[in-house]
Amino acid sequence: MGQVKIIHDRIGNTLTVWWGNPQNEYVCEETGNGVIQMKDRNGQVIGFEKLYFQVDDSEPLQCALSTVEI
């Protein structure tokens, strides 16, 4: 079963999403608009980080995941 990790850092104002193993991170590449891609040694994107991410502190961040087959 695949696993998606979502990490919200309220202090650092970042949202990080991994669908690959974070230990396989080899290089990071900024794509613009405060988004950074994390790639493995083969150049495959295994996650991303959104900088300057803020949500209203009065409510917890909620996440939903849907799988779509095309």
C-alpha atoms as a PDB file:
ATOM      1  CA  MET A   1       0.000   0.000   0.000  1.00  0.00           C
ATOM      2  CA  GLY A   2       1.310   3.454  -0.876  1.00  0.00           C
ATOM      3  CA  GLN A   3       1.624   6.072   1.805  1.00  0.00           C
ATOM      4  CA  VAL A   4       1.419   9.842   1.572  1.00  0.00           C
ATOM      5  CA  LYS A   5       2.992  11.877   4.387  1.00  0.00           C
ATOM      6  CA  ILE A   6       1.787  15.422   4.983  1.00  0.00           C
ATOM      7  CA  ILE A   7       3.698  17.651   7.393  1.00  0.00           C
ATOM      8  CA  HIS A   8       2.465  21.093   8.359  1.00  0.00           C
ATOM      9  CA  ASP A   9       5.008  23.255  10.200  1.00  0.00           C
ATOM     10  CA  ARG A  10       3.085  26.176  11.739  1.00  0.00           C
ATOM     11  CA  ILE A  11       6.263  27.861  12.996  1.00  0.00           C
ATOM     12  CA  GLY A  12       8.173  27.563   9.711  1.00  0.00           C
ATOM     13  CA  ASN A  13       5.010  28.163   7.636  1.00  0.00           C
ATOM     14  CA  THR A  14       5.607  25.182   5.370  1.00  0.00           C
ATOM     15  CA  LEU A  15       3.512  22.312   4.063  1.00  0.00           C
ATOM     16  CA  THR A  16       5.509  19.260   2.966  1.00  0.00           C
ATOM     17  CA  VAL A  17       4.014  16.319   1.078  1.00  0.00           C
ATOM     18  CA  TRP A  18       5.886  13.049   0.464  1.00  0.00           C
ATOM     19  CA  TRP A  19       4.692  10.124  -1.644  1.00  0.00           C
ATOM     20  CA  GLY A  20       8.173   8.643  -1.859  1.00  0.00           C
ATOM     21  CA  ASN A  21      10.641   7.789   0.888  1.00  0.00           C
ATOM     22  CA  PRO A  22      12.054  11.040   2.363  1.00  0.00           C
ATOM     23  CA  GLN A  23      15.371   9.234   2.967  1.00  0.00           C
ATOM     24  CA  ASN A  24      15.778   8.940  -0.818  1.00  0.00           C
ATOM     25  CA  GLU A  25      15.898  12.717  -1.264  1.00  0.00           C
ATOM     26  CA  TYR A  26      18.915  13.600  -3.382  1.00  0.00           C
ATOM     27  CA  VAL A  27      18.259  17.071  -4.776  1.00  0.00           C
ATOM     28  CA  CYS A  28      15.725  19.882  -4.339  1.00  0.00           C
ATOM     29  CA  GLU A  29      14.569  22.195  -7.094  1.00  0.00           C
ATOM     30  CA  GLU A  30      12.576  25.394  -6.688  1.00  0.00           C
ATOM     31  CA  THR A  31       9.812  25.595  -9.272  1.00  0.00           C
ATOM     32  CA  GLY A  32       8.502  29.075  -8.449  1.00  0.00           C
ATOM     33  CA  ASN A  33       5.750  30.511  -6.275  1.00  0.00           C
ATOM     34  CA  GLY A  34       7.427  29.117  -3.153  1.00  0.00           C
ATOM     35  CA  VAL A  35       7.212  25.473  -4.252  1.00  0.00           C
ATOM     36  CA  ILE A  36      10.200  23.151  -3.923  1.00  0.00           C
ATOM     37  CA  GLN A  37      10.325  19.679  -5.477  1.00  0.00           C
ATOM     38  CA  MET A  38      12.310  16.935  -3.784  1.00  0.00           C
ATOM     39  CA  LYS A  39      13.790  14.362  -6.159  1.00  0.00           C
ATOM     40  CA  ASP A  40      15.589  11.039  -5.806  1.00  0.00           C
ATOM     41  CA  ARG A  41      18.855  10.044  -7.542  1.00  0.00           C
ATOM     42  CA  ASN A  42      16.906   9.070 -10.687  1.00  0.00           C
ATOM     43  CA  GLY A  43      15.337  12.526 -10.967  1.00  0.00           C
ATOM     44  CA  GLN A  44      11.888  11.294  -9.956  1.00  0.00           C
ATOM     45  CA  VAL A  45       9.862  13.740  -7.857  1.00  0.00           C
ATOM     46  CA  ILE A  46       9.137  12.104  -4.499  1.00  0.00           C
ATOM     47  CA  GLY A  47       7.657  15.101  -2.702  1.00  0.00           C
ATOM     48  CA  PHE A  48       7.198  18.842  -2.575  1.00  0.00           C
ATOM     49  CA  GLU A  49       7.256  21.653  -0.063  1.00  0.00           C
ATOM     50  CA  LYS A  50       5.123  24.794  -0.156  1.00  0.00           C
ATOM     51  CA  LEU A  51       6.808  27.749   1.534  1.00  0.00           C
ATOM     52  CA  TYR A  52       4.860  30.603   3.168  1.00  0.00           C
ATOM     53  CA  PHE A  53       1.927  28.263   3.905  1.00  0.00           C
ATOM     54  CA  GLN A  54      -0.451  29.611   6.540  1.00  0.00           C
ATOM     55  CA  VAL A  55      -3.885  28.573   7.744  1.00  0.00           C
ATOM     56  CA  ASP A  56      -6.250  30.097  10.253  1.00  0.00           C
ATOM     57  CA  ASP A  57      -4.981  29.140  13.720  1.00  0.00           C
ATOM     58  CA  SER A  58      -8.510  28.850  15.089  1.00  0.00           C
ATOM     59  CA  GLU A  59      -9.105  25.494  13.351  1.00  0.00           C
ATOM     60  CA  PRO A  60      -6.881  22.458  12.770  1.00  0.00           C
ATOM     61  CA  LEU A  61      -5.699  21.765   9.238  1.00  0.00           C
ATOM     62  CA  GLN A  62      -7.800  19.004   7.668  1.00  0.00           C
ATOM     63  CA  CYS A  63      -6.665  16.870   4.746  1.00  0.00           C
ATOM     64  CA  ALA A  64      -8.614  14.755   2.282  1.00  0.00           C
ATOM     65  CA  LEU A  65      -7.190  12.222  -0.154  1.00  0.00           C
ATOM     66  CA  SER A  66      -8.964  10.800  -3.160  1.00  0.00           C
ATOM     67  CA  THR A  67      -7.662   8.272  -5.644  1.00  0.00           C
ATOM     68  CA  VAL A  68      -8.844   8.718  -9.233  1.00  0.00           C
ATOM     69  CA  GLU A  69      -8.380   6.104 -11.930  1.00  0.00           C
ATOM     70  CA  ILE A  70      -8.162   7.452 -15.462  1.00  0.00           C
END
